[in-house]
């Protein structure tokens, strides 16, 4: 019953893997830069609000440069 959204930040992400990890391919959001994250977060929030009350967990993965 859980839905997984994925966001790929940057041009070097493995989009295919993130699409497979997400609940469905349309739950993957590519983001070329941090500037597009706000729009993506709003799209996800809008989608979640349509479905009713939910618990949201953010699990950031930060890789060292």
C-alpha atoms as a PDB file:
ATOM      1  CA  UNK A   1       0.000   0.000   0.000  1.00  0.00           C
ATOM      2  CA  UNK A   2       3.001   2.339  -0.055  1.00  0.00           C
ATOM      3  CA  UNK A   3       3.844   4.543  -2.993  1.00  0.00           C
ATOM      4  CA  UNK A   4       7.430   5.461  -3.799  1.00  0.00           C
ATOM      5  CA  UNK A   5       8.367   8.636  -5.648  1.00  0.00           C
ATOM      6  CA  UNK A   6      11.933   9.136  -6.835  1.00  0.00           C
ATOM      7  CA  UNK A   7      13.743  12.285  -7.902  1.00  0.00           C
ATOM      8  CA  UNK A   8      16.943  12.168  -9.912  1.00  0.00           C
ATOM      9  CA  UNK A   9      18.974  15.321  -9.346  1.00  0.00           C
ATOM     10  CA  UNK A  10      21.559  16.142 -11.988  1.00  0.00           C
ATOM     11  CA  UNK A  11      22.440  14.784 -15.385  1.00  0.00           C
ATOM     12  CA  UNK A  12      24.390  11.733 -14.245  1.00  0.00           C
ATOM     13  CA  UNK A  13      21.621   9.837 -12.432  1.00  0.00           C
ATOM     14  CA  UNK A  14      20.535   6.387 -13.502  1.00  0.00           C
ATOM     15  CA  UNK A  15      17.012   7.304 -14.648  1.00  0.00           C
ATOM     16  CA  UNK A  16      16.156   3.735 -15.601  1.00  0.00           C
ATOM     17  CA  UNK A  17      16.965   2.499 -12.097  1.00  0.00           C
ATOM     18  CA  UNK A  18      14.978   5.303 -10.457  1.00  0.00           C
ATOM     19  CA  UNK A  19      11.964   4.572 -12.673  1.00  0.00           C
ATOM     20  CA  UNK A  20      12.137   0.912 -11.644  1.00  0.00           C
ATOM     21  CA  UNK A  21      12.489   1.860  -7.973  1.00  0.00           C
ATOM     22  CA  UNK A  22       9.438   4.129  -8.092  1.00  0.00           C
ATOM     23  CA  UNK A  23       5.951   2.687  -7.792  1.00  0.00           C
ATOM     24  CA  UNK A  24       5.421   3.426 -11.501  1.00  0.00           C
ATOM     25  CA  UNK A  25       7.527   5.188 -14.134  1.00  0.00           C
ATOM     26  CA  UNK A  26       5.425   8.353 -13.795  1.00  0.00           C
ATOM     27  CA  UNK A  27       6.455   8.536 -10.125  1.00  0.00           C
ATOM     28  CA  UNK A  28      10.026   9.319 -11.202  1.00  0.00           C
ATOM     29  CA  UNK A  29      10.883  12.992 -11.605  1.00  0.00           C
ATOM     30  CA  UNK A  30      14.108  14.055 -13.334  1.00  0.00           C
ATOM     31  CA  UNK A  31      15.556  17.330 -12.049  1.00  0.00           C
ATOM     32  CA  UNK A  32      18.404  18.909 -13.995  1.00  0.00           C
ATOM     33  CA  UNK A  33      19.152  21.276 -11.098  1.00  0.00           C
ATOM     34  CA  UNK A  34      17.911  22.268  -7.659  1.00  0.00           C
ATOM     35  CA  UNK A  35      15.878  25.060  -9.277  1.00  0.00           C
ATOM     36  CA  UNK A  36      13.300  22.542 -10.493  1.00  0.00           C
ATOM     37  CA  UNK A  37      12.879  20.801  -7.124  1.00  0.00           C
ATOM     38  CA  UNK A  38      10.237  23.222  -5.852  1.00  0.00           C
ATOM     39  CA  UNK A  39       8.017  22.494  -8.847  1.00  0.00           C
ATOM     40  CA  UNK A  40       8.519  18.742  -8.427  1.00  0.00           C
ATOM     41  CA  UNK A  41       7.705  18.880  -4.700  1.00  0.00           C
ATOM     42  CA  UNK A  42       4.488  20.778  -5.504  1.00  0.00           C
ATOM     43  CA  UNK A  43       3.509  18.189  -8.126  1.00  0.00           C
ATOM     44  CA  UNK A  44       4.066  15.336  -5.688  1.00  0.00           C
ATOM     45  CA  UNK A  45       2.221  17.144  -2.874  1.00  0.00           C
ATOM     46  CA  UNK A  46      -0.727  17.827  -5.176  1.00  0.00           C
ATOM     47  CA  UNK A  47      -0.835  14.163  -6.166  1.00  0.00           C
ATOM     48  CA  UNK A  48      -0.697  13.031  -2.531  1.00  0.00           C
ATOM     49  CA  UNK A  49      -3.402  15.485  -1.433  1.00  0.00           C
ATOM     50  CA  UNK A  50      -5.793  14.126  -4.078  1.00  0.00           C
ATOM     51  CA  UNK A  51      -5.403  10.677  -2.562  1.00  0.00           C
ATOM     52  CA  UNK A  52      -6.225  11.790   1.004  1.00  0.00           C
ATOM     53  CA  UNK A  53      -4.325  11.786   4.305  1.00  0.00           C
ATOM     54  CA  UNK A  54      -0.904  10.204   4.177  1.00  0.00           C
ATOM     55  CA  UNK A  55       2.365   9.831   6.037  1.00  0.00           C
ATOM     56  CA  UNK A  56       5.369  11.143   4.137  1.00  0.00           C
ATOM     57  CA  UNK A  57       8.919  10.004   4.801  1.00  0.00           C
ATOM     58  CA  UNK A  58      11.830  11.693   3.046  1.00  0.00           C
ATOM     59  CA  UNK A  59      14.967   9.629   2.716  1.00  0.00           C
ATOM     60  CA  UNK A  60      17.669  11.795   1.175  1.00  0.00           C
ATOM     61  CA  UNK A  61      20.730  10.117  -0.235  1.00  0.00           C
ATOM     62  CA  UNK A  62      23.699  12.420  -0.483  1.00  0.00           C
ATOM     63  CA  UNK A  63      26.794  11.130  -2.162  1.00  0.00           C
ATOM     64  CA  UNK A  64      30.171  12.714  -1.444  1.00  0.00           C
ATOM     65  CA  UNK A  65      31.790  14.523  -4.324  1.00  0.00           C
END
